[in-house]
C-alpha atoms as a PDB file:
ATOM      1  CA  MET A   1     142.862 240.447 -17.694  1.00  0.00           C
ATOM      2  CA  THR A   2     143.013 244.175 -16.803  1.00  0.00           C
ATOM      3  CA  TYR A   3     145.758 246.418 -18.199  1.00  0.00           C
ATOM      4  CA  SER A   4     147.109 249.480 -16.526  1.00  0.00           C
ATOM      5  CA  ASP A   5     147.221 252.857 -18.537  1.00  0.00           C
ATOM      6  CA  LYS A   6     150.846 252.548 -18.966  1.00  0.00           C
ATOM      7  CA  GLN A   7     150.529 249.050 -20.336  1.00  0.00           C
ATOM      8  CA  ILE A   8     148.000 250.219 -22.828  1.00  0.00           C
ATOM      9  CA  GLN A   9     150.308 253.137 -23.583  1.00  0.00           C
ATOM     10  CA  VAL A  10     153.016 250.530 -24.416  1.00  0.00           C
ATOM     11  CA  PHE A  11     150.681 248.439 -26.528  1.00  0.00           C
ATOM     12  CA  SER A  12     149.620 251.670 -28.510  1.00  0.00           C
ATOM     13  CA  GLY A  13     153.340 252.368 -29.074  1.00  0.00           C
ATOM     14  CA  VAL A  14     153.940 248.791 -30.441  1.00  0.00           C
ATOM     15  CA  LEU A  15     150.761 249.128 -32.805  1.00  0.00           C
ATOM     16  CA  ALA A  16     152.111 252.383 -33.918  1.00  0.00           C
ATOM     17  CA  LEU A  17     155.425 250.781 -34.801  1.00  0.00           C
ATOM     18  CA  ALA A  18     153.745 247.807 -36.467  1.00  0.00           C
ATOM     19  CA  ARG A  19     151.581 250.187 -38.760  1.00  0.00           C
ATOM     20  CA  GLN A  20     154.779 251.903 -39.844  1.00  0.00           C
ATOM     21  CA  ARG A  21     155.971 248.301 -40.784  1.00  0.00           C
ATOM     22  CA  ALA A  22     158.828 248.103 -38.241  1.00  0.00           C
ATOM     23  CA  ASP A  23     160.571 244.602 -38.133  1.00  0.00           C
ATOM     24  CA  MET A  24     159.085 243.126 -34.943  1.00  0.00           C
ATOM     25  CA  GLY A  25     161.820 240.536 -34.847  1.00  0.00           C
ATOM     26  CA  SER A  26     164.535 243.017 -34.861  1.00  0.00           C
ATOM     27  CA  LEU A  27     162.869 245.732 -32.747  1.00  0.00           C
ATOM     28  CA  ARG A  28     164.353 246.832 -29.632  1.00  0.00           C
ATOM     29  CA  VAL A  29     162.729 247.565 -26.150  1.00  0.00           C
ATOM     30  CA  GLN A  30     164.128 251.287 -26.611  1.00  0.00           C
ATOM     31  CA  GLN A  31     162.276 251.777 -29.899  1.00  0.00           C
ATOM     32  CA  ILE A  32     159.149 250.604 -28.135  1.00  0.00           C
ATOM     33  CA  ALA A  33     159.722 252.916 -25.168  1.00  0.00           C
ATOM     34  CA  ASP A  34     160.321 255.817 -27.526  1.00  0.00           C
ATOM     35  CA  ALA A  35     157.122 254.934 -29.470  1.00  0.00           C
ATOM     36  CA  ALA A  36     155.136 254.727 -26.309  1.00  0.00           C
ATOM     37  CA  GLY A  37     156.664 258.006 -24.907  1.00  0.00           C
ATOM     38  CA  LEU A  38     158.006 256.285 -21.845  1.00  0.00           C
ATOM     39  CA  GLY A  39     161.511 255.426 -20.405  1.00  0.00           C
ATOM     40  CA  LYS A  40     162.908 252.031 -21.129  1.00  0.00           C
ATOM     41  CA  GLY A  41     163.187 251.406 -17.288  1.00  0.00           C
ATOM     42  CA  THR A  42     159.213 251.993 -17.055  1.00  0.00           C
ATOM     43  CA  LEU A  43     158.665 249.307 -19.655  1.00  0.00           C
ATOM     44  CA  TYR A  44     160.627 246.787 -17.445  1.00  0.00           C
ATOM     45  CA  GLU A  45     158.374 247.683 -14.492  1.00  0.00           C
ATOM     46  CA  TYR A  46     155.518 246.081 -16.447  1.00  0.00           C
ATOM     47  CA  PHE A  47     157.191 243.490 -18.774  1.00  0.00           C
ATOM     48  CA  SER A  48     160.230 241.311 -18.485  1.00  0.00           C
ATOM     49  CA  SER A  49     160.924 241.088 -22.124  1.00  0.00           C
ATOM     50  CA  LYS A  50     160.202 242.375 -25.726  1.00  0.00           C
ATOM     51  CA  GLU A  51     158.404 239.120 -26.354  1.00  0.00           C
ATOM     52  CA  GLU A  52     156.275 239.585 -23.346  1.00  0.00           C
ATOM     53  CA  ILE A  53     155.357 243.223 -24.543  1.00  0.00           C
ATOM     54  CA  LEU A  54     154.410 241.815 -28.023  1.00  0.00           C
ATOM     55  CA  ALA A  55     152.500 238.964 -26.761  1.00  0.00           C
ATOM     56  CA  GLY A  56     150.809 241.552 -24.483  1.00  0.00           C
ATOM     57  CA  THR A  57     150.089 243.593 -27.310  1.00  0.00           C
ATOM     58  CA  VAL A  58     148.436 240.755 -29.403  1.00  0.00           C
ATOM     59  CA  HIS A  59     146.448 239.732 -26.069  1.00  0.00           C
ATOM     60  CA  TRP A  60     145.195 243.398 -25.596  1.00  0.00           C
ATOM     61  CA  SER A  61     144.276 243.946 -29.320  1.00  0.00           C
ATOM     62  CA  LEU A  62     142.272 240.534 -29.343  1.00  0.00           C
ATOM     63  CA  THR A  63     140.530 241.583 -26.266  1.00  0.00           C
ATOM     64  CA  GLN A  64     139.553 244.805 -27.904  1.00  0.00           C
ATOM     65  CA  ILE A  65     138.108 242.954 -30.815  1.00  0.00           C
ATOM     66  CA  LEU A  66     136.165 240.535 -28.383  1.00  0.00           C
ATOM     67  CA  ASN A  67     134.909 243.583 -26.524  1.00  0.00           C
ATOM     68  CA  ARG A  68     133.501 244.965 -29.909  1.00  0.00           C
ATOM     69  CA  LEU A  69     131.863 241.432 -30.650  1.00  0.00           C
ATOM     70  CA  ASP A  70     130.308 241.508 -27.008  1.00  0.00           C
ATOM     71  CA  ARG A  71     128.791 244.869 -27.632  1.00  0.00           C
ATOM     72  CA  ILE A  72     127.378 243.776 -30.911  1.00  0.00           C
ATOM     73  CA  MET A  73     125.904 240.562 -29.408  1.00  0.00           C
ATOM     74  CA  ALA A  74     124.514 242.564 -26.253  1.00  0.00           C
ATOM     75  CA  GLY A  75     122.874 244.993 -28.663  1.00  0.00           C
ATOM     76  CA  PRO A  76     119.546 245.002 -30.194  1.00  0.00           C
ATOM     77  CA  GLY A  77     119.031 242.651 -33.281  1.00  0.00           C
ATOM     78  CA  ARG A  78     117.967 239.250 -34.271  1.00  0.00           C
ATOM     79  CA  PHE A  79     120.210 236.391 -35.062  1.00  0.00           C
ATOM     80  CA  GLU A  80     121.105 237.253 -38.705  1.00  0.00           C
ATOM     81  CA  GLU A  81     121.895 240.884 -37.679  1.00  0.00           C
ATOM     82  CA  HIS A  82     124.164 239.641 -35.005  1.00  0.00           C
ATOM     83  CA  VAL A  83     125.855 237.328 -37.363  1.00  0.00           C
ATOM     84  CA  ALA A  84     126.315 240.083 -39.830  1.00  0.00           C
ATOM     85  CA  GLY A  85     127.442 242.568 -37.327  1.00  0.00           C
ATOM     86  CA  MET A  86     130.163 240.255 -35.934  1.00  0.00           C
ATOM     87  CA  LEU A  87     131.426 239.301 -39.313  1.00  0.00           C
ATOM     88  CA  GLN A  88     131.522 242.873 -40.351  1.00  0.00           C
ATOM     89  CA  ALA A  89     133.420 243.805 -37.302  1.00  0.00           C
ATOM     90  CA  LEU A  90     136.041 241.203 -37.875  1.00  0.00           C
ATOM     91  CA  TRP A  91     136.197 242.146 -41.653  1.00  0.00           C
ATOM     92  CA  ASP A  92     136.726 245.756 -40.766  1.00  0.00           C
ATOM     93  CA  THR A  93     139.236 245.065 -38.188  1.00  0.00           C
ATOM     94  CA  MET A  94     141.384 242.753 -40.584  1.00  0.00           C
ATOM     95  CA  LEU A  95     141.149 245.057 -43.504  1.00  0.00           C
ATOM     96  CA  GLY A  96     142.387 247.842 -41.177  1.00  0.00           C
ATOM     97  CA  ASP A  97     144.986 246.065 -39.229  1.00  0.00           C
ATOM     98  CA  GLY A  98     145.427 242.654 -40.609  1.00  0.00           C
ATOM     99  CA  MET A  99     149.010 243.316 -41.513  1.00  0.00           C
ATOM    100  CA  VAL A 100     149.708 244.738 -38.158  1.00  0.00           C
ATOM    101  CA  TYR A 101     148.561 241.492 -36.472  1.00  0.00           C
ATOM    102  CA  ARG A 102     150.574 239.440 -38.721  1.00  0.00           C
ATOM    103  CA  SER A 103     153.539 241.655 -38.125  1.00  0.00           C
ATOM    104  CA  LEU A 104     153.232 241.431 -34.281  1.00  0.00           C
ATOM    105  CA  THR A 105     152.872 237.539 -34.199  1.00  0.00           C
ATOM    106  CA  SER A 106     155.855 237.323 -36.587  1.00  0.00           C
ATOM    107  CA  GLY A 107     158.055 238.902 -33.752  1.00  0.00           C
ATOM    108  CA  ILE A 108     156.912 236.662 -31.035  1.00  0.00           C
ATOM    109  CA  GLU A 109     158.741 233.366 -30.371  1.00  0.00           C
ATOM    110  CA  HIS A 110     156.028 230.656 -31.128  1.00  0.00           C
ATOM    111  CA  ARG A 111     155.727 227.841 -28.352  1.00  0.00           C
ATOM    112  CA  ASP A 112     153.505 224.857 -29.301  1.00  0.00           C
ATOM    113  CA  GLY A 113     152.240 226.541 -32.304  1.00  0.00           C
ATOM    114  CA  CYS A 114     150.948 229.558 -30.331  1.00  0.00           C
ATOM    115  CA  CYS A 115     152.215 233.165 -29.987  1.00  0.00           C
ATOM    116  CA  LEU A 116     150.426 233.699 -26.704  1.00  0.00           C
ATOM    117  CA  PRO A 117     151.758 230.784 -24.452  1.00  0.00           C
ATOM    118  CA  GLY A 118     149.160 230.164 -21.775  1.00  0.00           C
ATOM    119  CA  ALA A 119     147.639 233.578 -22.168  1.00  0.00           C
ATOM    120  CA  GLY A 120     145.162 232.958 -24.947  1.00  0.00           C
ATOM    121  CA  GLN A 121     142.811 230.723 -22.969  1.00  0.00           C
ATOM    122  CA  ASP A 122     140.723 233.499 -21.674  1.00  0.00           C
ATOM    123  CA  LEU A 123     140.179 234.740 -25.057  1.00  0.00           C
ATOM    124  CA  LEU A 124     139.267 231.388 -26.409  1.00  0.00           C
ATOM    125  CA  GLU A 125     136.671 231.037 -23.597  1.00  0.00           C
ATOM    126  CA  ARG A 126     135.236 234.439 -24.353  1.00  0.00           C
ATOM    127  CA  LEU A 127     134.910 233.507 -28.163  1.00  0.00           C
ATOM    128  CA  ARG A 128     133.325 230.300 -27.210  1.00  0.00           C
ATOM    129  CA  ALA A 129     130.877 232.079 -24.878  1.00  0.00           C
ATOM    130  CA  LEU A 130     129.997 234.475 -27.717  1.00  0.00           C
ATOM    131  CA  GLU A 131     129.418 231.517 -30.241  1.00  0.00           C
ATOM    132  CA  GLN A 132     127.129 229.801 -27.640  1.00  0.00           C
ATOM    133  CA  ALA A 133     125.060 233.037 -27.169  1.00  0.00           C
ATOM    134  CA  LEU A 134     124.786 233.458 -30.762  1.00  0.00           C
ATOM    135  CA  ILE A 135     123.724 229.869 -31.282  1.00  0.00           C
ATOM    136  CA  ALA A 136     121.255 230.087 -28.383  1.00  0.00           C
ATOM    137  CA  GLN A 137     119.820 233.073 -30.007  1.00  0.00           C
ATOM    138  CA  GLY A 138     119.503 231.391 -33.344  1.00  0.00           C
ATOM    139  CA  ARG A 139     117.682 228.446 -31.801  1.00  0.00           C
ATOM    140  CA  ALA A 140     115.420 230.698 -29.699  1.00  0.00           C
ATOM    141  CA  GLU A 141     114.424 232.642 -32.973  1.00  0.00           C
ATOM    142  CA  GLY A 142     114.062 229.383 -34.979  1.00  0.00           C
ATOM    143  CA  ALA A 143     116.858 230.500 -37.177  1.00  0.00           C
ATOM    144  CA  ILE A 144     118.873 227.200 -36.337  1.00  0.00           C
ATOM    145  CA  ARG A 145     117.470 224.041 -37.282  1.00  0.00           C
ATOM    146  CA  ALA A 146     116.521 222.058 -34.099  1.00  0.00           C
ATOM    147  CA  ALA A 147     118.281 218.982 -35.442  1.00  0.00           C
ATOM    148  CA  TRP A 148     121.636 220.448 -35.922  1.00  0.00           C
ATOM    149  CA  PRO A 149     123.969 219.671 -33.072  1.00  0.00           C
ATOM    150  CA  ASP A 150     125.896 222.364 -31.197  1.00  0.00           C
ATOM    151  CA  ASP A 151     129.225 221.076 -32.579  1.00  0.00           C
ATOM    152  CA  TYR A 152     128.008 221.510 -36.084  1.00  0.00           C
ATOM    153  CA  CYS A 153     126.631 225.135 -35.340  1.00  0.00           C
ATOM    154  CA  ARG A 154     129.960 225.965 -33.707  1.00  0.00           C
ATOM    155  CA  CYS A 155     131.803 224.599 -36.542  1.00  0.00           C
ATOM    156  CA  VAL A 156     129.765 226.800 -39.153  1.00  0.00           C
ATOM    157  CA  VAL A 157     130.135 229.907 -36.773  1.00  0.00           C
ATOM    158  CA  GLU A 158     133.935 229.346 -36.410  1.00  0.00           C
ATOM    159  CA  THR A 159     134.471 228.711 -40.082  1.00  0.00           C
ATOM    160  CA  ALA A 160     132.783 231.958 -41.054  1.00  0.00           C
ATOM    161  CA  LEU A 161     134.779 233.915 -38.262  1.00  0.00           C
ATOM    162  CA  MET A 162     138.081 232.381 -39.600  1.00  0.00           C
ATOM    163  CA  ALA A 163     137.070 232.994 -43.214  1.00  0.00           C
ATOM    164  CA  SER A 164     136.245 236.696 -42.356  1.00  0.00           C
ATOM    165  CA  ALA A 165     139.748 237.158 -40.642  1.00  0.00           C
ATOM    166  CA  ALA A 166     141.676 235.183 -43.541  1.00  0.00           C
ATOM    167  CA  ALA A 167     139.754 236.377 -46.530  1.00  0.00           C
ATOM    168  CA  VAL A 168     141.144 240.044 -46.461  1.00  0.00           C
ATOM    169  CA  GLN A 169     144.744 238.653 -46.909  1.00  0.00           C
ATOM    170  CA  GLY A 170     143.882 238.187 -50.424  1.00  0.00           C
ATOM    171  CA  PRO A 171     142.442 240.472 -53.116  1.00  0.00           C
ATOM    172  CA  ALA A 172     138.825 239.978 -51.962  1.00  0.00           C
ATOM    173  CA  ASP A 173     138.556 243.148 -49.897  1.00  0.00           C
ATOM    174  CA  SER A 174     134.779 243.796 -50.577  1.00  0.00           C
ATOM    175  CA  PRO A 175     132.138 244.328 -47.816  1.00  0.00           C
ATOM    176  CA  VAL A 176     130.131 242.101 -50.123  1.00  0.00           C
ATOM    177  CA  GLN A 177     132.215 238.988 -48.988  1.00  0.00           C
ATOM    178  CA  ALA A 178     131.351 239.708 -45.229  1.00  0.00           C
ATOM    179  CA  GLU A 179     127.678 239.730 -46.551  1.00  0.00           C
ATOM    180  CA  ASN A 180     128.205 236.389 -48.370  1.00  0.00           C
ATOM    181  CA  LEU A 181     129.684 234.819 -45.145  1.00  0.00           C
ATOM    182  CA  CYS A 182     126.713 236.006 -43.163  1.00  0.00           C
ATOM    183  CA  ARG A 183     124.312 234.322 -45.822  1.00  0.00           C
ATOM    184  CA  MET A 184     126.528 231.102 -45.723  1.00  0.00           C
ATOM    185  CA  VAL A 185     126.092 230.843 -41.759  1.00  0.00           C
ATOM    186  CA  CYS A 186     122.448 231.491 -41.835  1.00  0.00           C
ATOM    187  CA  ARG A 187     121.861 228.929 -44.770  1.00  0.00           C
ATOM    188  CA  ALA A 188     124.081 226.276 -43.161  1.00  0.00           C
ATOM    189  CA  LEU A 189     122.172 226.407 -39.978  1.00  0.00           C
ATOM    190  CA  ALA A 190     118.669 226.838 -41.382  1.00  0.00           C
END
């Protein structure tokens, strides 16, 4: 999905409000417009509701994270370096903005357990493609045991990615934790 400069300006305004700990549930469109430096009417040219703005902000933010993971995967390095880079990127993101993402999703009405109704499929497909590329690299380098089925490998990678995103919610905010997750993935797949 491609976003216009104005939409990105709106998303940046929402993120600024979230970093200031604004209550997303009671946030008003005028507050978002003010934070974005735009008129309220301009927001309605691009979005139909506050929830659509918040969901768009989450989608855009997750797209930025996936873009970073794509760059890591496309860069030079062996399997273990790519695993470490991806986990560290998620770790850094969640340390920096984990509270912001939790705040954003708390302000969106959840349907069917998802804060991105219908819009998250493209993100999931991109994440699965990254996982497959990582697994293919690991297999090509002999870092992943040939006997392990792809489903098992995906489960290991997804567990580490989720653990990296979730671990920073607790007191364990050390970069050593990201290194440990990398070791876990490499050992579980060897």
